[in-house]
Amino acid sequence: MEWDFIAPMVVAVVFIVTTGGVLLLRPILKPLVRLFEAMIREKERASAPELGRIRELLETLDGRMSLLEERQQFYESLRAEEARPALPAEPTPAPHRSRPTA
């Protein structure tokens, strides 16, 4: 067989199968699509209170994290003050040693 005969047959078969598939499957898939859309809408409505609860938990966690950050900064500032050497108020004189006479 030559390609001049095969190519039009392949195009015709693909066209017929595609048209037949659309004509047969469209009436079946339309109600399925509606069903899936309804299920998705129902899940979205059911998840709204859950999202509110999650939002509240996240806000609580954010508040607690900010408190922890403040406490950490305060602790670090105290540690930094502790680590600085304190300057003596008055210089202390070195002890005087007397030389032993022998």
C-alpha atoms as a PDB file:
ATOM      1  CA  MET A   1       0.000   0.000   0.000  1.00  0.00           C
ATOM      2  CA  GLU A   2       1.133   3.461  -0.709  1.00  0.00           C
ATOM      3  CA  TRP A   3       0.885   6.467   1.573  1.00  0.00           C
ATOM      4  CA  ASP A   4      -1.503   8.156  -0.804  1.00  0.00           C
ATOM      5  CA  PHE A   5      -4.137   5.563   0.127  1.00  0.00           C
ATOM      6  CA  ILE A   6      -3.273   5.142   3.825  1.00  0.00           C
ATOM      7  CA  ALA A   7      -3.286   8.807   4.880  1.00  0.00           C
ATOM      8  CA  PRO A   8      -6.904   9.554   3.794  1.00  0.00           C
ATOM      9  CA  MET A   9      -8.087   6.326   5.448  1.00  0.00           C
ATOM     10  CA  VAL A  10      -6.360   7.230   8.744  1.00  0.00           C
ATOM     11  CA  VAL A  11      -7.828  10.753   8.672  1.00  0.00           C
ATOM     12  CA  ALA A  12     -11.313   9.372   7.927  1.00  0.00           C
ATOM     13  CA  VAL A  13     -11.105   6.789  10.736  1.00  0.00           C
ATOM     14  CA  VAL A  14      -9.895   9.387  13.251  1.00  0.00           C
ATOM     15  CA  PHE A  15     -12.675  11.767  12.210  1.00  0.00           C
ATOM     16  CA  ILE A  16     -15.364   9.069  12.503  1.00  0.00           C
ATOM     17  CA  VAL A  17     -14.088   7.811  15.877  1.00  0.00           C
ATOM     18  CA  THR A  18     -13.829  11.354  17.272  1.00  0.00           C
ATOM     19  CA  THR A  19     -17.305  12.324  16.080  1.00  0.00           C
ATOM     20  CA  GLY A  20     -18.810   9.082  17.341  1.00  0.00           C
ATOM     21  CA  GLY A  21     -17.068   9.464  20.703  1.00  0.00           C
ATOM     22  CA  VAL A  22     -18.369  12.981  21.150  1.00  0.00           C
ATOM     23  CA  LEU A  23     -21.896  12.036  20.118  1.00  0.00           C
ATOM     24  CA  LEU A  24     -21.986   8.988  22.397  1.00  0.00           C
ATOM     25  CA  LEU A  25     -20.076  10.259  25.440  1.00  0.00           C
ATOM     26  CA  ARG A  26     -21.400  13.827  25.694  1.00  0.00           C
ATOM     27  CA  PRO A  27     -24.860  12.859  27.007  1.00  0.00           C
ATOM     28  CA  ILE A  28     -23.256  10.548  29.551  1.00  0.00           C
ATOM     29  CA  LEU A  29     -20.572  12.974  30.736  1.00  0.00           C
ATOM     30  CA  LYS A  30     -22.811  16.031  31.136  1.00  0.00           C
ATOM     31  CA  PRO A  31     -24.724  14.659  34.170  1.00  0.00           C
ATOM     32  CA  LEU A  32     -21.468  13.371  35.641  1.00  0.00           C
ATOM     33  CA  VAL A  33     -19.918  16.810  35.392  1.00  0.00           C
ATOM     34  CA  ARG A  34     -22.958  18.348  37.108  1.00  0.00           C
ATOM     35  CA  LEU A  35     -22.717  15.738  39.860  1.00  0.00           C
ATOM     36  CA  PHE A  36     -19.027  16.448  40.433  1.00  0.00           C
ATOM     37  CA  GLU A  37     -19.656  20.198  40.508  1.00  0.00           C
ATOM     38  CA  ALA A  38     -22.403  19.716  43.102  1.00  0.00           C
ATOM     39  CA  MET A  39     -20.091  17.557  45.209  1.00  0.00           C
ATOM     40  CA  ILE A  40     -17.360  20.201  45.052  1.00  0.00           C
ATOM     41  CA  ARG A  41     -19.779  22.975  46.069  1.00  0.00           C
ATOM     42  CA  GLU A  42     -21.019  20.873  48.990  1.00  0.00           C
ATOM     43  CA  LYS A  43     -17.469  20.244  50.186  1.00  0.00           C
ATOM     44  CA  GLU A  44     -16.681  23.948  49.963  1.00  0.00           C
ATOM     45  CA  ARG A  45     -19.732  24.817  52.057  1.00  0.00           C
ATOM     46  CA  ALA A  46     -18.855  22.150  54.607  1.00  0.00           C
ATOM     47  CA  SER A  47     -15.233  23.291  54.844  1.00  0.00           C
ATOM     48  CA  ALA A  48     -16.046  26.960  55.601  1.00  0.00           C
ATOM     49  CA  PRO A  49     -16.444  26.449  59.396  1.00  0.00           C
ATOM     50  CA  GLU A  50     -13.328  24.312  59.414  1.00  0.00           C
ATOM     51  CA  LEU A  51     -11.396  27.084  57.683  1.00  0.00           C
ATOM     52  CA  GLY A  52     -12.587  29.567  60.302  1.00  0.00           C
ATOM     53  CA  ARG A  53     -11.370  27.275  63.059  1.00  0.00           C
ATOM     54  CA  ILE A  54      -8.006  26.864  61.365  1.00  0.00           C
ATOM     55  CA  ARG A  55      -7.736  30.644  60.948  1.00  0.00           C
ATOM     56  CA  GLU A  56      -8.391  31.134  64.679  1.00  0.00           C
ATOM     57  CA  LEU A  57      -5.752  28.548  65.563  1.00  0.00           C
ATOM     58  CA  LEU A  58      -3.220  30.239  63.309  1.00  0.00           C
ATOM     59  CA  GLU A  59      -3.932  33.642  64.872  1.00  0.00           C
ATOM     60  CA  THR A  60      -3.458  32.123  68.338  1.00  0.00           C
ATOM     61  CA  LEU A  61      -0.176  30.565  67.273  1.00  0.00           C
ATOM     62  CA  ASP A  62       0.945  33.882  65.789  1.00  0.00           C
ATOM     63  CA  GLY A  63       0.263  35.658  69.084  1.00  0.00           C
ATOM     64  CA  ARG A  64       2.143  33.042  71.054  1.00  0.00           C
ATOM     65  CA  MET A  65       5.083  33.184  68.647  1.00  0.00           C
ATOM     66  CA  SER A  66       5.296  36.976  68.972  1.00  0.00           C
ATOM     67  CA  LEU A  67       5.347  36.626  72.785  1.00  0.00           C
ATOM     68  CA  LEU A  68       8.114  34.059  72.518  1.00  0.00           C
ATOM     69  CA  GLU A  69      10.092  36.371  70.233  1.00  0.00           C
ATOM     70  CA  GLU A  70       9.783  39.241  72.722  1.00  0.00           C
ATOM     71  CA  ARG A  71      10.897  37.013  75.582  1.00  0.00           C
ATOM     72  CA  GLN A  72      13.824  35.724  73.550  1.00  0.00           C
ATOM     73  CA  GLN A  73      14.952  39.270  72.706  1.00  0.00           C
ATOM     74  CA  PHE A  74      14.682  40.293  76.359  1.00  0.00           C
ATOM     75  CA  TYR A  75      16.685  37.267  77.455  1.00  0.00           C
ATOM     76  CA  GLU A  76      19.362  37.935  74.835  1.00  0.00           C
ATOM     77  CA  SER A  77      19.652  41.578  75.920  1.00  0.00           C
ATOM     78  CA  LEU A  78      20.098  40.459  79.545  1.00  0.00           C
ATOM     79  CA  ARG A  79      22.756  37.968  78.502  1.00  0.00           C
ATOM     80  CA  ALA A  80      24.548  40.650  76.476  1.00  0.00           C
ATOM     81  CA  GLU A  81      24.632  42.969  79.523  1.00  0.00           C
ATOM     82  CA  GLU A  82      25.923  40.113  81.661  1.00  0.00           C
ATOM     83  CA  ALA A  83      28.711  39.337  79.223  1.00  0.00           C
ATOM     84  CA  ARG A  84      30.069  42.928  79.225  1.00  0.00           C
ATOM     85  CA  PRO A  85      32.894  43.321  81.701  1.00  0.00           C
ATOM     86  CA  ALA A  86      32.033  45.764  84.422  1.00  0.00           C
ATOM     87  CA  LEU A  87      34.517  48.591  84.907  1.00  0.00           C
ATOM     88  CA  PRO A  88      35.795  48.879  88.459  1.00  0.00           C
ATOM     89  CA  ALA A  89      34.799  52.021  90.320  1.00  0.00           C
ATOM     90  CA  GLU A  90      38.376  52.757  91.532  1.00  0.00           C
ATOM     91  CA  PRO A  91      41.560  51.207  90.388  1.00  0.00           C
ATOM     92  CA  THR A  92      42.953  49.007  93.119  1.00  0.00           C
ATOM     93  CA  PRO A  93      46.602  49.519  93.879  1.00  0.00           C
ATOM     94  CA  ALA A  94      48.920  46.619  93.344  1.00  0.00           C
ATOM     95  CA  PRO A  95      50.077  44.995  96.574  1.00  0.00           C
ATOM     96  CA  HIS A  96      53.484  46.242  97.696  1.00  0.00           C
ATOM     97  CA  ARG A  97      56.036  43.553  98.204  1.00  0.00           C
ATOM     98  CA  SER A  98      58.972  44.175 100.310  1.00  0.00           C
ATOM     99  CA  ARG A  99      62.258  42.639  99.393  1.00  0.00           C
ATOM    100  CA  PRO A 100      63.674  40.317 101.905  1.00  0.00           C
ATOM    101  CA  THR A 101      67.128  41.308 103.091  1.00  0.00           C
ATOM    102  CA  ALA A 102      69.545  38.537 103.282  1.00  0.00           C
END
